[in-house]
Amino acid sequence: MRSIRKLSFAVVVLLASSALASSASAKLPDKVLAEVLSAYPPAVDSKGLHTAHDKIDPTKMRGYVVVERAGIPAERARFFISWSDYDYRGVVVHVGEEGRMTTRRGTPYTYLKRGDVMAVTGVKEFRDTIYLKLMSADVYVPANRQKDKRHSRVTVMLGFKFPKSMFDSGDASGALGVMERWVKPFKDKGAAEAYATMLRDEAAVVAADAPRPEGKADEEQERIQSLEDKIDAAKKDLEEAERELGEIKESKGK
């Protein structure tokens, strides 16, 4: 009986080990990873990519992206007496789940906006997830943190978790299409900034053309007219006061 139990336990352990080994070995096809690296070439590794204490060498940058979808959490570099390591906050987009994003607990330093330019500092893959390590192309000053004493570049490790079926054919076009809808790739900073400017101009035009709430325009026009009437009345009172003051002075002179 003991031998049967030992045998059963050994079979269970063997099956579990096989399952874990299979899961651990599962990864993206090499062809897919190669195409991702071609579209999003990472920077040449240097200290400046890891700590804000060291300056960035722009000649080591090889790829940039422009944020297409706002709301991606990002962090600034850590600061204690002086600038320290960058905090690449992990964020995962669950592809096929209506753009669901997950990240660690805690309030992010900021959220990236549509049109933000980021440098690609690294590319990693783990099983069915592709990670882009992104750093803002310049020092980043969030609109709600302009009064802060210190600002640094901001960073995020943006992951895309894909359904395994997406890579059955070994084709990367589907994955790249999804990634581009979040972060559009460029090979140089100038091209990325030109595209980002176009996005921001487009957003400004849309905002200007957006219909105002019903009755809002009429209310504003009425308020403007009321203020103009008050200004006219004040001018008339001032003119009347000046006229009376002049008459008093004349009568005293006589």
Protein backbone atom coordinates (compact mmCIF):
# COMPACT_ATOMS: atom_id res chain seq x y z
CA MET A 1 0.00 0.00 0.00
CA ARG A 2 2.87 2.33 0.91
CA SER A 3 4.55 1.66 -2.41
CA ILE A 4 1.35 2.55 -4.27
CA ARG A 5 1.04 5.81 -2.32
CA LYS A 6 4.68 6.65 -3.00
CA LEU A 7 4.16 5.95 -6.69
CA SER A 8 1.01 8.13 -6.81
CA PHE A 9 2.81 10.98 -5.06
CA ALA A 10 5.75 10.67 -7.46
CA VAL A 11 3.38 10.84 -10.46
CA VAL A 12 1.68 13.97 -9.06
CA VAL A 13 5.04 15.66 -8.47
CA LEU A 14 6.22 14.72 -11.96
CA LEU A 15 3.06 16.10 -13.59
CA ALA A 16 3.25 19.31 -11.58
CA SER A 17 6.91 19.76 -12.46
CA SER A 18 6.16 19.20 -16.14
CA ALA A 19 3.35 21.76 -16.06
CA LEU A 20 5.57 24.34 -14.39
CA ALA A 21 8.40 23.70 -16.80
CA SER A 22 6.05 24.04 -19.75
CA SER A 23 4.63 27.28 -18.36
CA ALA A 24 8.06 28.70 -17.61
CA SER A 25 9.37 27.87 -21.05
CA ALA A 26 6.38 29.37 -22.85
CA LYS A 27 7.45 32.60 -24.47
CA LEU A 28 6.91 34.76 -27.52
CA PRO A 29 8.15 33.42 -30.85
CA ASP A 30 11.62 34.76 -31.70
CA LYS A 31 10.31 36.28 -34.93
CA VAL A 32 7.68 38.28 -33.06
CA LEU A 33 10.21 39.60 -30.55
CA ALA A 34 12.60 40.54 -33.38
CA GLU A 35 9.89 42.59 -35.12
CA VAL A 36 8.99 44.34 -31.86
CA LEU A 37 12.65 45.24 -31.30
CA SER A 38 12.83 46.58 -34.83
CA ALA A 39 9.75 48.77 -34.35
CA TYR A 40 10.72 49.88 -30.82
CA PRO A 41 14.55 49.86 -30.74
CA PRO A 42 15.78 50.26 -27.14
CA ALA A 43 18.48 52.72 -26.11
CA VAL A 44 22.07 51.64 -25.58
CA ASP A 45 22.29 50.88 -21.87
CA SER A 46 23.90 53.56 -19.68
CA LYS A 47 23.71 54.80 -16.08
CA GLY A 48 21.58 57.75 -17.09
CA LEU A 49 18.72 55.39 -17.97
CA HIS A 50 18.64 54.03 -14.42
CA THR A 51 19.36 56.99 -12.17
CA ALA A 52 18.54 60.68 -12.45
CA HIS A 53 21.83 61.39 -10.71
CA ASP A 54 23.57 60.83 -14.09
CA LYS A 55 22.88 62.85 -17.22
CA ILE A 56 21.20 61.31 -20.25
CA ASP A 57 23.35 60.80 -23.32
CA PRO A 58 20.97 61.53 -26.24
CA THR A 59 23.30 59.76 -28.69
CA LYS A 60 22.45 56.47 -26.96
CA MET A 61 18.73 56.82 -27.71
CA ARG A 62 17.52 54.77 -30.67
CA GLY A 63 13.74 54.84 -30.48
CA TYR A 64 10.91 57.10 -29.32
CA VAL A 65 7.15 56.82 -28.97
CA VAL A 66 4.26 59.26 -28.86
CA VAL A 67 1.48 58.45 -26.41
CA GLU A 68 -1.79 57.89 -28.28
CA ARG A 69 -4.00 57.02 -25.31
CA ALA A 70 -3.95 59.18 -22.21
CA GLY A 71 -4.10 57.82 -18.69
CA ILE A 72 -0.96 55.66 -18.46
CA PRO A 73 0.48 55.95 -14.90
CA ALA A 74 4.09 57.12 -14.60
CA GLU A 75 6.56 57.97 -11.82
CA ARG A 76 9.35 60.49 -11.36
CA ALA A 77 12.84 59.58 -10.12
CA ARG A 78 13.31 58.96 -6.41
CA PHE A 79 14.77 61.84 -4.43
CA PHE A 80 16.62 61.71 -1.12
CA ILE A 81 19.12 64.54 -0.60
CA SER A 82 19.83 64.24 -4.33
CA TRP A 83 18.27 62.52 -7.33
CA SER A 84 18.39 58.74 -7.27
CA ASP A 85 16.99 55.79 -9.28
CA TYR A 86 14.13 56.10 -11.75
CA ASP A 87 10.94 54.32 -10.78
CA TYR A 88 9.73 52.38 -13.80
CA ARG A 89 6.19 51.77 -12.59
CA GLY A 90 4.86 48.50 -13.96
CA VAL A 91 1.65 48.90 -15.96
CA VAL A 92 0.02 46.08 -17.94
CA VAL A 93 -2.51 46.48 -20.73
CA HIS A 94 -4.62 43.33 -20.97
CA VAL A 95 -5.18 43.03 -24.71
CA GLY A 96 -8.63 41.80 -25.65
CA GLU A 97 -10.17 43.03 -22.39
CA GLU A 98 -11.36 46.42 -23.62
CA GLY A 99 -8.13 48.21 -22.77
CA ARG A 100 -8.06 47.12 -19.12
CA MET A 101 -4.91 48.32 -17.33
CA THR A 102 -3.46 47.07 -14.07
CA THR A 103 -0.66 48.51 -11.96
CA ARG A 104 0.62 48.38 -8.40
CA ARG A 105 -1.21 49.96 -5.50
CA GLY A 106 -0.68 53.57 -4.58
CA THR A 107 -1.38 56.85 -6.33
CA PRO A 108 0.90 57.43 -9.36
CA TYR A 109 3.00 60.58 -9.57
CA THR A 110 1.22 61.49 -12.81
CA TYR A 111 -0.70 60.13 -15.80
CA LEU A 112 0.69 60.52 -19.29
CA LYS A 113 -1.23 62.67 -21.77
CA ARG A 114 -1.95 62.09 -25.42
CA GLY A 115 0.93 63.63 -27.35
CA ASP A 116 3.62 63.03 -24.71
CA VAL A 117 6.98 62.01 -26.22
CA MET A 118 8.82 59.13 -24.54
CA ALA A 119 12.16 57.46 -25.25
CA VAL A 120 12.38 53.66 -25.39
CA THR A 121 15.02 52.67 -22.83
CA GLY A 122 14.43 48.92 -22.89
CA VAL A 123 12.32 46.04 -24.24
CA LYS A 124 11.60 42.88 -22.26
CA GLU A 125 9.36 39.86 -22.72
CA PHE A 126 7.96 37.43 -20.20
CA ARG A 127 5.82 34.60 -21.52
CA ASP A 128 2.93 36.28 -23.36
CA THR A 129 3.71 39.86 -22.25
CA ILE A 130 5.88 42.44 -24.00
CA TYR A 131 7.25 45.28 -21.87
CA LEU A 132 8.44 48.66 -23.12
CA LYS A 133 10.56 50.65 -20.67
CA LEU A 134 9.72 54.27 -21.40
CA MET A 135 11.24 57.54 -20.18
CA SER A 136 9.99 61.03 -21.00
CA ALA A 137 12.16 62.65 -23.65
CA ASP A 138 12.67 65.67 -21.38
CA VAL A 139 12.05 66.72 -17.77
CA TYR A 140 8.32 66.27 -17.21
CA VAL A 141 6.23 68.87 -15.36
CA PRO A 142 2.63 67.72 -14.75
CA ALA A 143 0.03 70.47 -14.92
CA ASN A 144 -1.03 69.84 -11.30
CA ARG A 145 2.57 69.81 -10.00
CA GLN A 146 4.00 73.01 -11.47
CA LYS A 147 4.56 74.46 -7.98
CA ASP A 148 6.67 71.47 -6.87
CA LYS A 149 10.30 72.38 -6.14
CA ARG A 150 11.78 69.44 -8.07
CA HIS A 151 10.94 67.76 -11.35
CA SER A 152 12.62 64.94 -13.23
CA ARG A 153 11.90 62.82 -16.25
CA VAL A 154 9.10 60.32 -15.68
CA THR A 155 9.22 56.60 -16.36
CA VAL A 156 6.95 53.59 -16.84
CA MET A 157 7.37 49.93 -17.77
CA LEU A 158 4.38 49.49 -20.08
CA GLY A 159 3.44 45.86 -20.68
CA PHE A 160 1.08 44.37 -23.24
CA LYS A 161 -0.33 41.00 -22.20
CA PHE A 162 -1.52 39.21 -25.34
CA PRO A 163 -3.80 36.21 -25.77
CA LYS A 164 -1.63 33.21 -26.65
CA SER A 165 -3.72 32.63 -29.78
CA MET A 166 -2.45 35.90 -31.24
CA PHE A 167 0.96 34.34 -31.87
CA ASP A 168 -0.11 30.95 -33.20
CA SER A 169 0.89 32.00 -36.71
CA GLY A 170 4.16 33.57 -35.55
CA ASP A 171 3.05 36.89 -37.09
CA ALA A 172 3.75 40.09 -35.13
CA SER A 173 1.51 42.43 -37.15
CA GLY A 174 -1.46 42.01 -34.81
CA ALA A 175 0.60 42.71 -31.71
CA LEU A 176 2.33 45.71 -33.26
CA GLY A 177 -1.02 47.11 -34.37
CA VAL A 178 -2.30 46.98 -30.79
CA MET A 179 0.86 48.54 -29.38
CA GLU A 180 0.78 51.39 -31.90
CA ARG A 181 -2.71 52.33 -30.80
CA TRP A 182 -1.24 53.03 -27.37
CA VAL A 183 2.29 54.26 -28.17
CA LYS A 184 3.20 55.08 -31.77
CA PRO A 185 6.90 54.37 -32.54
CA PHE A 186 9.43 56.70 -34.17
CA LYS A 187 13.13 56.28 -34.91
CA ASP A 188 14.14 59.84 -33.97
CA LYS A 189 13.04 62.53 -31.53
CA GLY A 190 12.37 65.17 -34.19
CA ALA A 191 9.81 63.03 -36.02
CA ALA A 192 8.16 62.08 -32.73
CA GLU A 193 7.87 65.72 -31.64
CA ALA A 194 6.43 66.77 -35.00
CA TYR A 195 3.73 64.11 -34.72
CA ALA A 196 3.08 65.03 -31.08
CA THR A 197 2.58 68.67 -32.05
CA MET A 198 0.05 67.61 -34.66
CA LEU A 199 -1.87 65.60 -32.05
CA ARG A 200 -1.92 68.52 -29.61
CA ASP A 201 -3.05 70.97 -32.32
CA GLU A 202 -5.76 68.55 -33.34
CA ALA A 203 -6.94 68.28 -29.73
CA ALA A 204 -7.01 72.08 -29.40
CA VAL A 205 -9.16 72.42 -32.53
CA VAL A 206 -11.58 69.74 -31.31
CA ALA A 207 -11.87 71.47 -27.94
CA ALA A 208 -12.52 74.84 -29.58
CA ASP A 209 -15.18 73.39 -31.87
CA ALA A 210 -16.87 71.38 -29.14
CA PRO A 211 -20.50 72.51 -28.65
CA ARG A 212 -21.12 74.38 -25.43
CA PRO A 213 -23.90 73.29 -23.08
CA GLU A 214 -27.31 74.56 -24.19
CA GLY A 215 -27.96 78.07 -22.94
CA LYS A 216 -24.35 78.61 -21.88
CA ALA A 217 -23.49 80.87 -24.81
CA ASP A 218 -26.59 83.04 -24.19
CA GLU A 219 -25.74 83.37 -20.49
CA GLU A 220 -22.18 84.47 -21.27
CA GLN A 221 -23.38 87.01 -23.83
CA GLU A 222 -25.87 88.46 -21.35
CA ARG A 223 -23.15 88.76 -18.72
CA ILE A 224 -20.82 90.52 -21.16
CA GLN A 225 -23.58 92.95 -22.13
CA SER A 226 -24.35 93.64 -18.46
CA LEU A 227 -20.69 94.42 -17.72
CA GLU A 228 -20.45 96.70 -20.74
CA ASP A 229 -23.57 98.58 -19.58
CA LYS A 230 -22.03 99.03 -16.11
CA ILE A 231 -18.82 100.40 -17.65
CA ASP A 232 -20.81 102.88 -19.77
CA ALA A 233 -22.80 104.01 -16.73
CA ALA A 234 -19.59 104.46 -14.72
CA LYS A 235 -18.09 106.55 -17.51
CA LYS A 236 -21.16 108.83 -17.54
CA ASP A 237 -21.05 109.25 -13.75
CA LEU A 238 -17.34 110.13 -13.97
CA GLU A 239 -17.98 112.69 -16.71
CA GLU A 240 -20.81 114.24 -14.67
CA ALA A 241 -18.63 114.42 -11.55
CA GLU A 242 -15.79 116.07 -13.49
CA ARG A 243 -18.23 118.64 -14.96
CA GLU A 244 -19.62 119.54 -11.51
CA LEU A 245 -16.11 119.77 -10.07
CA GLY A 246 -15.13 122.15 -12.85
CA GLU A 247 -18.14 124.37 -12.18
CA ILE A 248 -17.30 124.55 -8.46
CA LYS A 249 -13.74 125.58 -9.22
CA GLU A 250 -14.93 128.28 -11.65
CA SER A 251 -17.36 129.74 -9.11
CA LYS A 252 -14.63 129.93 -6.47
CA GLY A 253 -12.30 131.69 -8.92
CA LYS A 254 -14.83 134.42 -9.51
